[in-house]
């Protein structure tokens, strides 16, 4: 979990008003049961946490499919509880046989003492999805995975993940001068830290708490990806350097050597087949970011491009990092192959957003909230959202959307409460309390309403409609509307 608080919890109302992890202990594989087995996999957040992590989702799905259900999968979500070293802890746990497998990204392995994958993070090298797709299927992918031999980790395959860009709080990080002295969040990666130092910044290793550090003024930016940031509190770091991709987040489909060797030949074949299918799924998928970025613009995010001179300046600053990797006996040959892929795909992917979203590097203006009290009718409204409802809507419940949600509206104010339906850790925004989750004011005109929470959470803009006792919400500006309109609320009082 390497983001700030998710929209469904940080807004309260998106996941808290308008409407996970399974904590499973690892189970040993038992050959006595024939080819049936229970596999425990772990992830730092969710299987498909940003909506575009297609490889991990396909891996989990295909383990069940190719085995005809004989491989049962248990997922340990939010492994490490958002700690900055959580992903490296997954690598260590896989190597030690404490969990069966997962899909930690390449950045996590050095923190677990495995340095053979560092070339993948060569800064400003793989800067578009075409190059990343080629990388995970090229001969160098096999070389990278072979570097895991004798580490306790079986490298089953690589899968495409999101492109990571600089996100900043007040001013975009465009040229080298902007980076000087900037405290910048990295994620437990020596290469990332080395790159930020080379740019003149100060790398700070933060996990889920990085958003709070920015709000407190102790941090000025972070490496992040567009689809996942769209699920966060977009007021935290709304200045994105649109045409600078620092590095890709490449997933490593991994399995414990100890567990793998204890399986039958048939089980191992199923697992390798599932990994191959997952890699292919990640390559065949579309990673369209422009629509998401355009919606983020409505929330005040700005996508500013560095000038050619500024990009060249960044590359000059980063050259010593590339030189160090090139001189490394293990990383050097792999970096050469990766650079050849990058040369064949040289242009960074840049989200296509409206001109107004690209015009200024100044702090994004706060949305204008009407002063009028909303006409949303008084009452007590309730909706029950099951896990099946969430999945049917195409969501993965990473925001804790499921639960029985009660919304009380009184004279321009609101209060939201939730009671779990199933596992309390899965429901209600992953928050267990007998009190209200969110309280605040309702502003707006007509059928548009702004939900303005008490405290620091960002307001949220919705459209409402009443039909008899049924209250329906729909999104006015957001990249992820589904969690708001899964089911209508029913008036109960």
Protein backbone atom coordinates (compact mmCIF):
# COMPACT_ATOMS: atom_id res chain seq x y z
CA UNK A 1 0.00 0.00 0.00
CA UNK A 2 2.14 2.84 -1.19
CA UNK A 3 -0.37 5.64 -1.48
CA UNK A 4 -2.08 8.21 0.63
CA UNK A 5 -5.47 7.30 2.07
CA UNK A 6 -7.80 5.93 -0.56
CA UNK A 7 -10.67 8.05 -1.89
CA UNK A 8 -13.21 5.72 -0.32
CA UNK A 9 -11.77 6.43 3.12
CA UNK A 10 -10.11 9.83 2.86
CA UNK A 11 -13.22 11.38 1.36
CA UNK A 12 -15.36 9.37 3.68
CA UNK A 13 -18.28 9.87 1.47
CA UNK A 14 -17.23 8.21 -1.66
CA UNK A 15 -16.57 4.96 0.06
CA UNK A 16 -17.99 5.98 3.38
CA UNK A 17 -21.15 7.64 2.43
CA UNK A 18 -22.07 6.20 -0.79
CA UNK A 19 -22.05 3.05 -0.59
CA UNK A 20 -9.65 -5.73 1.76
CA UNK A 21 -7.98 -7.47 2.89
CA UNK A 22 -8.25 -11.12 3.76
CA UNK A 23 -5.98 -11.81 6.70
CA UNK A 24 -5.10 -15.42 6.12
CA UNK A 25 -2.33 -17.39 7.73
CA UNK A 26 -0.04 -19.24 5.35
CA UNK A 27 -1.04 -22.86 4.90
CA UNK A 28 1.41 -25.55 3.95
CA UNK A 29 0.79 -27.46 0.75
CA UNK A 30 -0.23 -31.06 1.43
CA UNK A 31 0.71 -33.55 -1.26
CA UNK A 32 -1.49 -36.15 0.37
CA UNK A 33 -4.48 -34.37 -1.11
CA UNK A 34 -3.37 -35.15 -4.64
CA UNK A 35 -3.15 -32.12 -6.87
CA UNK A 36 -5.33 -29.91 -4.68
CA UNK A 37 -3.59 -27.21 -2.66
CA UNK A 38 -4.18 -23.92 -0.89
CA UNK A 39 -1.76 -21.16 -1.92
CA UNK A 40 -1.24 -18.07 0.21
CA UNK A 41 -0.16 -15.00 -1.74
CA UNK A 42 0.59 -11.55 -0.34
CA UNK A 43 0.37 -7.97 -1.58
CA UNK A 44 1.05 -4.60 0.00
CA UNK A 45 -2.36 -3.28 -1.03
CA UNK A 46 -4.89 -5.12 -3.19
CA UNK A 47 -4.67 -7.47 -6.13
CA UNK A 48 -5.51 -4.71 -8.62
CA UNK A 49 -5.07 -1.65 -6.48
CA UNK A 50 -5.06 1.02 -9.19
CA UNK A 51 -7.51 -0.55 -11.65
CA UNK A 52 -4.71 -1.20 -14.16
CA UNK A 53 -2.65 -3.89 -12.40
CA UNK A 54 -3.87 -6.47 -14.88
CA UNK A 55 -1.01 -8.94 -14.47
CA UNK A 56 -1.46 -9.68 -10.74
CA UNK A 57 -5.23 -10.03 -11.18
CA UNK A 58 -4.75 -12.42 -14.11
CA UNK A 59 -2.22 -14.46 -12.10
CA UNK A 60 -4.69 -14.98 -9.26
CA UNK A 61 -7.59 -15.70 -11.60
CA UNK A 62 -5.63 -18.15 -13.73
CA UNK A 63 -4.29 -20.12 -10.78
CA UNK A 64 -7.89 -21.11 -10.20
CA UNK A 65 -8.80 -21.44 -13.88
CA UNK A 66 -5.94 -23.57 -15.20
CA UNK A 67 -6.18 -25.94 -12.23
CA UNK A 68 -9.94 -26.34 -12.52
CA UNK A 69 -10.28 -24.97 -9.01
CA UNK A 70 -7.81 -27.39 -7.45
CA UNK A 71 -5.43 -24.57 -6.61
CA UNK A 72 -7.25 -22.43 -4.08
CA UNK A 73 -5.86 -18.96 -3.47
CA UNK A 74 -5.85 -17.00 -0.23
CA UNK A 75 -4.71 -13.37 -0.42
CA UNK A 76 -2.96 -11.54 2.42
CA UNK A 77 -3.82 -7.96 1.51
CA UNK A 78 -2.25 -4.83 3.00
CA UNK A 79 0.78 -6.90 4.02
CA UNK A 80 2.97 -4.80 6.27
CA UNK A 81 0.19 -2.32 7.09
CA UNK A 82 1.50 0.41 4.80
CA UNK A 83 5.06 0.41 6.14
CA UNK A 84 7.69 1.72 3.74
CA UNK A 85 9.53 -1.61 3.87
CA UNK A 86 6.42 -3.77 3.47
CA UNK A 87 7.08 -4.81 -0.13
CA UNK A 88 10.64 -5.90 0.68
CA UNK A 89 9.20 -7.80 3.63
CA UNK A 90 7.06 -9.75 1.16
CA UNK A 91 10.17 -10.71 -0.81
CA UNK A 92 11.87 -11.87 2.39
CA UNK A 93 8.80 -13.85 3.45
CA UNK A 94 8.60 -15.56 0.06
CA UNK A 95 12.30 -16.44 0.17
CA UNK A 96 11.91 -17.83 3.70
CA UNK A 97 8.87 -19.92 2.78
CA UNK A 98 6.63 -18.01 5.17
CA UNK A 99 4.18 -17.22 2.36
CA UNK A 100 3.80 -19.02 -0.94
CA UNK A 101 4.16 -16.11 -3.34
CA UNK A 102 3.04 -12.76 -4.65
CA UNK A 103 3.95 -10.08 -7.17
CA UNK A 104 6.36 -7.64 -5.50
CA UNK A 105 7.74 -5.10 -7.95
CA UNK A 106 11.39 -4.95 -8.95
CA UNK A 107 12.01 -2.01 -6.60
CA UNK A 108 11.43 -4.25 -3.56
CA UNK A 109 14.14 -6.83 -4.10
CA UNK A 110 17.24 -4.79 -3.22
CA UNK A 111 15.75 -4.06 0.20
CA UNK A 112 15.55 -7.83 0.68
CA UNK A 113 19.21 -8.26 -0.25
CA UNK A 114 18.61 -9.23 -3.90
CA UNK A 115 20.20 -6.68 -6.24
CA UNK A 116 19.87 -8.45 -9.59
CA UNK A 117 16.78 -6.50 -10.74
CA UNK A 118 18.03 -2.94 -10.27
CA UNK A 119 18.54 -2.26 -13.99
CA UNK A 120 14.76 -2.19 -14.49
CA UNK A 121 14.62 1.02 -12.44
CA UNK A 122 17.26 2.83 -14.49
CA UNK A 123 15.89 6.39 -14.29
CA UNK A 124 14.20 7.94 -17.33
CA UNK A 125 14.95 4.86 -19.43
CA UNK A 126 11.68 2.91 -19.82
CA UNK A 127 9.27 5.82 -20.24
CA UNK A 128 6.26 4.39 -22.10
CA UNK A 129 4.03 1.33 -22.00
CA UNK A 130 5.18 0.08 -25.40
CA UNK A 131 8.72 -0.23 -24.06
CA UNK A 132 7.55 -1.83 -20.82
CA UNK A 133 5.48 -4.39 -22.70
CA UNK A 134 8.52 -5.28 -24.78
CA UNK A 135 10.67 -5.48 -21.65
CA UNK A 136 8.53 -8.09 -19.87
CA UNK A 137 8.56 -10.40 -22.92
CA UNK A 138 12.09 -9.79 -24.27
CA UNK A 139 15.04 -12.16 -23.68
CA UNK A 140 16.28 -9.82 -20.95
CA UNK A 141 13.19 -10.76 -18.91
CA UNK A 142 14.48 -14.33 -18.64
CA UNK A 143 17.90 -13.01 -17.65
CA UNK A 144 16.37 -10.86 -14.94
CA UNK A 145 14.36 -13.78 -13.56
CA UNK A 146 17.37 -16.08 -13.70
CA UNK A 147 19.07 -13.66 -11.35
CA UNK A 148 16.68 -14.89 -8.66
CA UNK A 149 18.12 -18.41 -8.75
CA UNK A 150 19.55 -19.42 -5.37
CA UNK A 151 17.75 -16.58 -3.59
CA UNK A 152 14.84 -18.67 -2.34
CA UNK A 153 12.51 -16.93 -4.81
CA UNK A 154 11.29 -18.51 -8.04
CA UNK A 155 10.83 -15.84 -10.70
CA UNK A 156 7.83 -17.02 -12.72
CA UNK A 157 7.47 -13.99 -14.97
CA UNK A 158 7.29 -10.22 -15.24
CA UNK A 159 4.12 -8.18 -15.68
CA UNK A 160 3.50 -4.63 -16.84
CA UNK A 161 2.81 -2.11 -14.10
CA UNK A 162 2.20 1.65 -13.99
CA UNK A 163 4.62 4.36 -15.09
CA UNK A 164 5.78 6.47 -12.15
CA UNK A 165 6.08 10.26 -12.46
CA UNK A 166 7.01 13.16 -10.17
CA UNK A 167 4.03 14.51 -8.22
CA UNK A 168 4.58 17.73 -6.26
CA UNK A 169 2.64 19.70 -3.67
CA UNK A 170 2.88 23.32 -4.81
CA UNK A 171 5.22 23.76 -7.78
CA UNK A 172 5.94 21.13 -10.45
CA UNK A 173 9.38 19.53 -10.51
CA UNK A 174 10.44 20.39 -14.05
CA UNK A 175 14.17 21.13 -14.34
CA UNK A 176 17.17 20.47 -12.07
CA UNK A 177 16.71 23.80 -10.26
CA UNK A 178 13.27 22.68 -9.06
CA UNK A 179 14.72 19.56 -7.50
CA UNK A 180 17.45 21.25 -5.46
CA UNK A 181 16.89 20.57 -1.77
CA UNK A 182 13.45 19.06 -2.36
CA UNK A 183 12.40 16.37 0.17
CA UNK A 184 10.93 13.73 -2.13
CA UNK A 185 9.27 10.44 -1.28
CA UNK A 186 10.83 7.28 -2.69
CA UNK A 187 9.70 3.74 -1.98
CA UNK A 188 12.37 1.56 -0.38
CA UNK A 189 14.62 1.43 -3.45
CA UNK A 190 18.36 2.20 -3.52
CA UNK A 191 18.15 3.13 -7.21
CA UNK A 192 15.30 5.54 -6.57
CA UNK A 193 17.20 7.13 -3.69
CA UNK A 194 20.36 7.43 -5.79
CA UNK A 195 18.41 9.04 -8.63
CA UNK A 196 16.73 11.64 -6.42
CA UNK A 197 20.08 12.57 -4.87
CA UNK A 198 21.57 12.91 -8.34
CA UNK A 199 18.78 15.34 -9.25
CA UNK A 200 19.62 17.41 -6.18
CA UNK A 201 16.70 16.30 -4.06
CA UNK A 202 16.56 14.58 -0.68
CA UNK A 203 15.05 11.09 -0.86
CA UNK A 204 12.80 10.13 2.04
CA UNK A 205 11.55 6.57 2.37
CA UNK A 206 7.85 6.71 3.26
CA UNK A 207 4.99 4.26 2.96
CA UNK A 208 1.33 5.12 3.32
CA UNK A 209 2.08 8.09 5.57
CA UNK A 210 3.64 10.16 2.75
CA UNK A 211 0.44 12.13 2.14
CA UNK A 212 0.33 13.28 5.73
CA UNK A 213 3.97 14.32 5.53
CA UNK A 214 3.19 16.52 2.53
CA UNK A 215 0.24 18.10 4.34
CA UNK A 216 2.54 18.78 7.30
CA UNK A 217 5.04 20.51 5.01
CA UNK A 218 7.86 18.05 5.65
CA UNK A 219 7.69 16.55 2.16
CA UNK A 220 7.31 18.32 -1.19
CA UNK A 221 6.75 15.52 -3.65
CA UNK A 222 6.55 11.81 -4.39
CA UNK A 223 6.95 9.32 -7.21
CA UNK A 224 3.52 7.98 -8.07
CA UNK A 225 1.34 6.83 -10.96
CA UNK A 226 -1.69 8.49 -12.51
CA UNK A 227 -4.35 5.76 -12.07
CA UNK A 228 -3.54 5.14 -8.42
CA UNK A 229 -3.27 8.83 -7.58
CA UNK A 230 -6.76 9.31 -8.99
CA UNK A 231 -8.01 7.20 -6.08
CA UNK A 232 -6.36 9.40 -3.46
CA UNK A 233 -6.90 12.79 -1.90
CA UNK A 234 -5.94 14.78 -5.00
CA UNK A 235 -5.24 17.93 -2.97
CA UNK A 236 -2.03 16.43 -1.59
CA UNK A 237 0.33 16.61 -4.58
CA UNK A 238 -1.58 18.06 -7.54
CA UNK A 239 1.40 19.19 -9.65
CA UNK A 240 2.43 16.41 -12.06
CA UNK A 241 5.42 16.55 -14.39
CA UNK A 242 3.54 15.13 -17.35
CA UNK A 243 6.38 14.22 -19.72
CA UNK A 244 8.87 12.85 -17.19
CA UNK A 245 8.61 9.16 -16.36
CA UNK A 246 11.08 8.32 -13.63
CA UNK A 247 10.79 4.51 -13.91
CA UNK A 248 8.20 1.79 -14.42
CA UNK A 249 6.72 -0.32 -11.66
CA UNK A 250 7.28 -3.82 -13.03
CA UNK A 251 5.68 -6.70 -11.15
CA UNK A 252 7.66 -9.88 -10.50
CA UNK A 253 5.35 -12.91 -10.34
CA UNK A 254 7.11 -14.79 -7.57
CA UNK A 255 6.90 -18.04 -5.65
CA UNK A 256 8.76 -19.49 -2.71
CA UNK A 257 11.38 -22.01 -3.83
CA UNK A 258 10.74 -24.01 -0.68
CA UNK A 259 7.00 -24.18 -1.38
CA UNK A 260 7.43 -24.66 -5.11
CA UNK A 261 9.69 -27.69 -4.70
CA UNK A 262 7.15 -29.26 -2.32
CA UNK A 263 4.43 -29.20 -4.97
CA UNK A 264 3.63 -31.92 -7.47
CA UNK A 265 4.77 -31.64 -11.08
CA UNK A 266 1.18 -30.91 -12.11
CA UNK A 267 0.81 -28.12 -9.56
CA UNK A 268 4.07 -26.51 -10.66
CA UNK A 269 2.91 -26.70 -14.27
CA UNK A 270 -0.35 -24.95 -13.40
CA UNK A 271 1.50 -22.18 -11.58
CA UNK A 272 3.89 -21.57 -14.48
CA UNK A 273 0.96 -21.60 -16.91
CA UNK A 274 -0.91 -19.05 -14.79
CA UNK A 275 2.16 -16.80 -14.72
CA UNK A 276 2.61 -17.00 -18.49
CA UNK A 277 -1.02 -16.06 -18.99
CA UNK A 278 -0.66 -13.18 -16.54
CA UNK A 279 2.31 -11.77 -18.43
CA UNK A 280 0.37 -11.99 -21.69
CA UNK A 281 -2.68 -10.35 -20.15
CA UNK A 282 -0.55 -7.45 -18.92
CA UNK A 283 0.94 -7.02 -22.39
CA UNK A 284 -2.40 -7.23 -24.20
CA UNK A 285 -4.07 -4.71 -21.87
CA UNK A 286 -4.62 -1.03 -22.61
CA UNK A 287 -3.12 1.49 -20.19
CA UNK A 288 -5.12 4.57 -21.10
CA UNK A 289 -4.30 7.43 -18.72
CA UNK A 290 -5.65 10.48 -20.55
CA UNK A 291 -9.29 10.02 -19.48
CA UNK A 292 -8.26 9.51 -15.87
CA UNK A 293 -5.93 12.52 -16.01
CA UNK A 294 -8.68 14.64 -17.54
CA UNK A 295 -10.99 13.80 -14.67
CA UNK A 296 -8.21 14.59 -12.20
CA UNK A 297 -7.99 18.05 -13.77
CA UNK A 298 -11.55 18.67 -12.57
CA UNK A 299 -10.28 18.05 -9.04
CA UNK A 300 -7.51 20.65 -9.42
CA UNK A 301 -4.62 18.45 -10.57
CA UNK A 302 -2.34 20.02 -13.19
CA UNK A 303 -0.15 18.22 -15.74
CA UNK A 304 2.81 20.43 -16.65
CA UNK A 305 5.42 19.40 -19.22
CA UNK A 306 9.09 20.16 -18.75
CA UNK A 307 10.78 21.94 -21.64
CA UNK A 308 13.23 20.00 -23.85
CA UNK A 309 16.05 21.85 -22.11
CA UNK A 310 14.75 20.89 -18.69
CA UNK A 311 14.40 17.24 -19.71
CA UNK A 312 17.96 17.27 -21.06
CA UNK A 313 19.14 18.78 -17.79
CA UNK A 314 17.48 16.01 -15.81
CA UNK A 315 19.11 13.39 -18.00
CA UNK A 316 22.54 14.95 -17.48
CA UNK A 317 22.03 14.88 -13.73
CA UNK A 318 20.98 11.22 -13.84
CA UNK A 319 23.83 10.02 -16.04
CA UNK A 320 26.08 9.02 -13.09
CA UNK A 321 23.34 6.66 -11.89
CA UNK A 322 23.21 5.00 -15.31
CA UNK A 323 27.01 4.86 -15.42
CA UNK A 324 27.10 3.10 -12.06
CA UNK A 325 24.54 0.52 -13.19
CA UNK A 326 26.38 0.02 -16.48
CA UNK A 327 29.63 -0.68 -14.63
CA UNK A 328 28.04 -3.30 -12.40
CA UNK A 329 28.94 -6.83 -13.59
CA UNK A 330 25.37 -8.08 -13.07
CA UNK A 331 23.31 -5.03 -13.93
CA UNK A 332 25.46 -3.75 -16.80
CA UNK A 333 24.61 -6.35 -19.47
CA UNK A 334 20.92 -6.22 -18.58
CA UNK A 335 20.90 -2.42 -18.65
CA UNK A 336 22.35 -2.51 -22.16
CA UNK A 337 19.44 -4.66 -23.35
CA UNK A 338 16.92 -2.47 -21.54
CA UNK A 339 18.41 0.66 -23.09
CA UNK A 340 18.10 -0.92 -26.54
CA UNK A 341 14.38 -1.42 -25.89
CA UNK A 342 14.12 2.19 -24.72
CA UNK A 343 15.93 3.45 -27.82
CA UNK A 344 13.37 1.67 -30.00
CA UNK A 345 10.57 3.34 -27.98
CA UNK A 346 12.02 6.77 -27.14
CA UNK A 347 9.04 9.04 -26.47
CA UNK A 348 7.60 9.29 -22.97
CA UNK A 349 3.88 8.60 -22.66
CA UNK A 350 2.19 11.91 -21.84
CA UNK A 351 -1.46 12.10 -20.72
CA UNK A 352 -3.52 14.17 -23.14
CA UNK A 353 -5.39 16.72 -21.05
CA UNK A 354 -7.22 19.98 -21.86
CA UNK A 355 -5.08 23.06 -22.42
CA UNK A 356 -6.35 24.68 -19.23
CA UNK A 357 -4.94 21.74 -17.29
CA UNK A 358 -1.47 22.32 -18.77
CA UNK A 359 -1.14 26.07 -18.65
CA UNK A 360 0.21 26.86 -15.23
CA UNK A 361 2.70 25.53 -12.77
CA UNK A 362 1.10 27.48 -9.96
CA UNK A 363 -0.69 25.77 -7.13
CA UNK A 364 -3.94 24.32 -8.39
CA UNK A 365 -6.91 26.41 -7.24
CA UNK A 366 -9.29 24.92 -4.73
CA UNK A 367 -12.69 24.06 -6.18
CA UNK A 368 -15.36 26.72 -5.74
CA UNK A 369 -18.00 25.45 -3.35
CA UNK A 370 -21.41 27.15 -3.32
CA UNK A 371 -22.41 28.87 -0.10
CA UNK A 372 -26.05 27.83 -0.44
CA UNK A 373 -27.31 25.02 1.77
CA UNK A 374 -28.09 21.95 -0.33
CA UNK A 375 -31.70 21.03 -0.96
CA UNK A 376 -30.94 17.35 -0.37
CA UNK A 377 -34.05 16.20 1.57
CA UNK A 378 -33.77 15.55 5.28
CA UNK A 379 -33.97 11.92 6.32
CA UNK A 380 -32.14 8.77 7.28
CA UNK A 381 -31.03 6.73 4.27
CA UNK A 382 -29.50 3.26 4.17
CA UNK A 383 -27.90 0.99 1.60
CA UNK A 384 -26.43 -2.50 1.91
CA UNK A 385 -23.53 -3.19 -0.44
CA UNK A 386 -22.27 -6.77 -0.49
CA UNK A 387 -18.92 -7.97 -1.78
CA UNK A 388 -20.82 -9.46 -4.72
CA UNK A 389 -22.27 -6.01 -5.49
CA UNK A 390 -18.79 -4.52 -5.45
CA UNK A 391 -17.38 -7.14 -7.80
CA UNK A 392 -20.38 -6.87 -10.12
CA UNK A 393 -19.60 -3.15 -10.44
CA UNK A 394 -16.06 -3.97 -11.54
CA UNK A 395 -14.40 -2.90 -8.28
CA UNK A 396 -12.04 -4.87 -6.05
CA UNK A 397 -13.15 -3.56 -2.63
CA UNK A 398 -9.71 -2.15 -1.87
CA UNK A 399 -11.48 0.95 -0.50
CA UNK A 400 -13.71 -1.09 1.81
CA UNK A 401 -16.82 -0.24 -0.20
CA UNK A 402 -18.88 -3.13 1.17
CA UNK A 403 -21.00 -2.70 4.29
CA UNK A 404 -24.34 -1.36 5.48
CA UNK A 405 -24.08 2.41 5.13
CA UNK A 406 -26.41 4.86 6.87
CA UNK A 407 -26.54 8.50 5.80
CA UNK A 408 -28.36 11.01 7.99
CA UNK A 409 -29.25 14.36 6.40
CA UNK A 410 -30.44 17.19 8.67
CA UNK A 411 -30.83 20.81 7.56
CA UNK A 412 -27.74 21.03 5.40
CA UNK A 413 -25.55 18.69 7.44
CA UNK A 414 -24.74 15.02 7.06
CA UNK A 415 -23.49 12.14 9.14
CA UNK A 416 -22.30 8.78 7.81
CA UNK A 417 -22.12 5.51 9.72
CA UNK A 418 -21.39 1.95 8.64
CA UNK A 419 -21.82 -1.55 10.01
CA UNK A 420 -19.95 -4.49 8.51
CA UNK A 421 -21.79 -7.23 6.67
CA UNK A 422 -19.00 -9.80 6.70
CA UNK A 423 -15.36 -9.47 7.74
CA UNK A 424 -15.02 -6.13 9.57
CA UNK A 425 -11.56 -5.70 8.05
CA UNK A 426 -13.07 -5.81 4.55
CA UNK A 427 -16.09 -3.55 5.07
CA UNK A 428 -16.75 0.08 5.98
CA UNK A 429 -13.61 1.66 4.59
CA UNK A 430 -11.58 -0.79 6.71
CA UNK A 431 -12.65 1.23 9.78
CA UNK A 432 -14.38 -0.23 12.82
CA UNK A 433 -16.23 2.28 15.03
CA UNK A 434 -19.59 2.70 16.73
CA UNK A 435 -19.53 6.42 16.03
CA UNK A 436 -19.95 8.34 12.78
CA UNK A 437 -17.22 7.92 10.21
CA UNK A 438 -17.72 11.32 8.63
CA UNK A 439 -19.72 14.43 9.50
CA UNK A 440 -19.94 17.67 7.59
CA UNK A 441 -21.98 20.23 5.71
CA UNK A 442 -23.99 19.95 2.51
CA UNK A 443 -23.66 22.79 0.02
CA UNK A 444 -25.00 23.22 -3.49
CA UNK A 445 -27.81 24.31 -5.75
CA UNK A 446 -30.44 22.28 -7.54
CA UNK A 447 -29.49 18.62 -7.66
CA UNK A 448 -25.77 19.27 -7.28
CA UNK A 449 -24.36 18.80 -3.81
CA UNK A 450 -20.94 19.37 -2.28
CA UNK A 451 -20.17 17.15 0.68
CA UNK A 452 -17.84 19.21 2.87
CA UNK A 453 -16.38 17.10 5.70
CA UNK A 454 -15.28 18.60 8.99
CA UNK A 455 -11.50 18.62 9.20
CA UNK A 456 -8.95 18.41 6.40
CA UNK A 457 -10.58 15.97 4.01
CA UNK A 458 -11.28 17.34 0.55
CA UNK A 459 -14.91 18.15 -0.37
CA UNK A 460 -16.62 15.96 -2.93
CA UNK A 461 -19.02 16.95 -5.68
CA UNK A 462 -22.06 14.77 -6.47
CA UNK A 463 -25.39 14.80 -8.26
CA UNK A 464 -28.43 13.46 -6.39
CA UNK A 465 -31.89 12.32 -7.38
CA UNK A 466 -34.92 11.19 -5.35
CA UNK A 467 -37.57 8.79 -6.63
CA UNK A 468 -40.06 7.99 -3.88
CA UNK A 469 -38.02 6.62 -1.00
CA UNK A 470 -34.99 5.96 -3.20
CA UNK A 471 -31.99 8.34 -3.12
CA UNK A 472 -29.41 7.93 -5.88
CA UNK A 473 -26.01 9.59 -6.14
CA UNK A 474 -23.87 9.91 -9.25
CA UNK A 475 -20.46 11.45 -9.73
CA UNK A 476 -19.96 15.01 -10.93
CA UNK A 477 -16.16 14.88 -11.22
CA UNK A 478 -14.08 11.81 -10.43
CA UNK A 479 -12.18 9.09 -12.19
CA UNK A 480 -13.81 6.34 -10.17
CA UNK A 481 -17.59 6.91 -10.01
CA UNK A 482 -18.64 3.29 -9.60
CA UNK A 483 -18.19 3.16 -5.85
CA UNK A 484 -20.74 5.98 -5.52
CA UNK A 485 -23.60 4.54 -7.49
CA UNK A 486 -23.51 0.79 -6.94
CA UNK A 487 -26.92 0.78 -5.27
CA UNK A 488 -29.45 3.51 -4.35
CA UNK A 489 -30.08 4.45 -0.75
CA UNK A 490 -33.53 3.76 0.74
CA UNK A 491 -35.16 6.21 3.14
CA UNK A 492 -35.78 4.55 6.51
CA UNK A 493 -36.62 7.55 8.62
